[in-house]
Amino acid sequence: VQLQASGGGLVQAGGSLRLSCAASGRTFSTYIMGWFRQAAGKEREFVAAISSGGSTYYADSVEGRFTISGDNAKNTLYLQMNSLKPEDTAIYYCAYGVRAYDFWGQGTQVTVSS
């Protein structure tokens, strides 16, 4: 599975961005896809995930501001990010797997200015 993330950029605090992650290659009928982020000098952290059954999971820090969704026809994962804060600044990675996140995209930079 190859993952290509896009949609990052520079936005002011309070603004919005939508990240996309296009999946190609062999995919599985049962899977989980997620978004992680890594800020400078910090460890990678979980942001949100969605299962093939449609269940969604969010980190407390983004609950109510971010929405994860998927388009199975396009094999694309999305992360709608609203009410962005400077602390959301990070490289965002998408990931895919069956029992674990086995495949990772290259990351897209999100920078939120105050």
Protein backbone atom coordinates (compact mmCIF):
# COMPACT_ATOMS: atom_id res chain seq x y z
CA VAL A 1 0.00 0.00 0.00
CA GLN A 2 1.31 3.42 -0.93
CA LEU A 3 0.00 6.52 0.82
CA GLN A 4 0.28 10.06 -0.48
CA ALA A 5 -0.66 12.85 1.92
CA SER A 6 -1.43 16.38 0.79
CA GLY A 7 -3.27 19.52 1.81
CA GLY A 8 -0.94 20.98 4.41
CA GLY A 9 0.00 24.64 4.47
CA LEU A 10 0.18 27.84 6.46
CA VAL A 11 -3.00 29.10 8.11
CA GLN A 12 -3.85 31.63 10.79
CA ALA A 13 -5.18 30.54 14.15
CA GLY A 14 -8.91 29.89 13.92
CA GLY A 15 -8.65 28.87 10.28
CA SER A 16 -9.28 25.55 8.57
CA LEU A 17 -7.44 23.06 6.41
CA ARG A 18 -8.38 19.73 4.87
CA LEU A 19 -5.76 17.05 4.55
CA SER A 20 -6.08 14.22 2.06
CA CYS A 21 -4.37 10.85 1.91
CA ALA A 22 -4.65 8.84 -1.28
CA ALA A 23 -4.08 5.10 -0.98
CA SER A 24 -2.93 2.92 -3.87
CA GLY A 25 -1.78 -0.63 -4.38
CA ARG A 26 -3.16 -3.60 -2.51
CA THR A 27 -5.80 -2.68 0.04
CA PHE A 28 -7.80 -4.80 2.47
CA SER A 29 -11.51 -5.05 3.13
CA THR A 30 -10.94 -4.75 6.89
CA TYR A 31 -8.59 -1.98 7.88
CA ILE A 32 -7.99 1.08 9.96
CA MET A 33 -6.65 4.36 8.67
CA GLY A 34 -5.41 7.16 10.82
CA TRP A 35 -3.69 10.51 11.09
CA PHE A 36 -0.74 11.13 13.33
CA ARG A 37 1.35 14.25 13.82
CA GLN A 38 4.79 15.13 15.00
CA ALA A 39 5.74 18.59 16.16
CA ALA A 40 9.34 19.72 16.21
CA GLY A 41 11.18 18.19 19.14
CA LYS A 42 8.24 16.01 20.15
CA GLU A 43 7.21 12.42 19.65
CA ARG A 44 4.69 11.40 17.05
CA GLU A 45 1.17 11.40 18.46
CA PHE A 46 -2.17 10.00 17.45
CA VAL A 47 -4.71 12.45 16.01
CA ALA A 48 -7.65 10.50 14.60
CA ALA A 49 -8.58 7.18 13.03
CA ILE A 50 -11.40 5.54 11.14
CA SER A 51 -12.09 1.85 10.72
CA SER A 52 -13.45 0.09 7.65
CA GLY A 53 -16.70 -0.23 9.58
CA GLY A 54 -16.94 3.52 9.94
CA SER A 55 -16.02 3.89 13.61
CA THR A 56 -14.04 7.01 14.37
CA TYR A 57 -11.57 7.82 17.12
CA TYR A 58 -10.05 11.15 18.14
CA ALA A 59 -7.39 12.44 20.42
CA ASP A 60 -8.82 14.59 23.20
CA SER A 61 -6.84 17.56 21.91
CA VAL A 62 -8.69 17.59 18.56
CA GLU A 63 -12.12 16.24 19.53
CA GLY A 64 -14.81 18.59 18.28
CA ARG A 65 -12.44 20.48 15.96
CA PHE A 66 -11.20 17.79 13.57
CA THR A 67 -13.27 15.34 11.53
CA ILE A 68 -11.88 12.22 9.90
CA SER A 69 -13.66 10.68 6.94
CA GLY A 70 -13.00 8.38 4.02
CA ASP A 71 -14.12 7.97 0.44
CA ASN A 72 -13.89 4.28 -0.42
CA ALA A 73 -14.56 4.89 -4.11
CA LYS A 74 -11.52 7.15 -4.29
CA ASN A 75 -9.43 5.24 -1.73
CA THR A 76 -8.87 8.55 -0.03
CA LEU A 77 -8.77 9.53 3.62
CA TYR A 78 -9.53 13.07 4.77
CA LEU A 79 -8.96 15.13 7.87
CA GLN A 80 -11.00 18.30 8.12
CA MET A 81 -9.32 20.58 10.63
CA ASN A 82 -11.27 23.56 11.96
CA SER A 83 -10.53 26.12 14.66
CA LEU A 84 -6.84 25.48 14.25
CA LYS A 85 -4.48 26.48 17.03
CA PRO A 86 -0.75 27.19 16.98
CA GLU A 87 -0.22 23.97 18.94
CA ASP A 88 -1.63 22.04 15.97
CA THR A 89 1.54 22.93 14.06
CA ALA A 90 3.23 19.69 13.05
CA ILE A 91 3.97 17.32 10.23
CA TYR A 92 0.86 15.23 9.69
CA TYR A 93 1.17 11.61 8.59
CA CYS A 94 -1.48 9.23 7.37
CA ALA A 95 -1.22 5.55 8.16
CA TYR A 96 -2.98 2.34 7.12
CA GLY A 97 -3.09 -1.18 8.40
CA VAL A 98 -5.03 -4.23 9.43
CA ARG A 99 -3.89 -5.14 12.96
CA ALA A 100 -1.42 -2.30 13.21
CA TYR A 101 -0.38 0.72 11.20
CA ASP A 102 1.89 -1.04 8.74
CA PHE A 103 2.00 1.59 6.04
CA TRP A 104 2.81 5.28 6.36
CA GLY A 105 2.66 8.28 4.06
CA GLN A 106 5.43 10.83 3.71
CA GLY A 107 3.83 13.58 5.79
CA THR A 108 2.49 17.03 5.06
CA GLN A 109 3.42 20.17 7.00
CA VAL A 110 0.72 22.14 8.80
CA THR A 111 1.74 25.48 10.28
CA VAL A 112 -0.70 27.57 12.31
CA SER A 113 0.34 31.15 12.99
CA SER A 114 -0.90 33.08 16.01
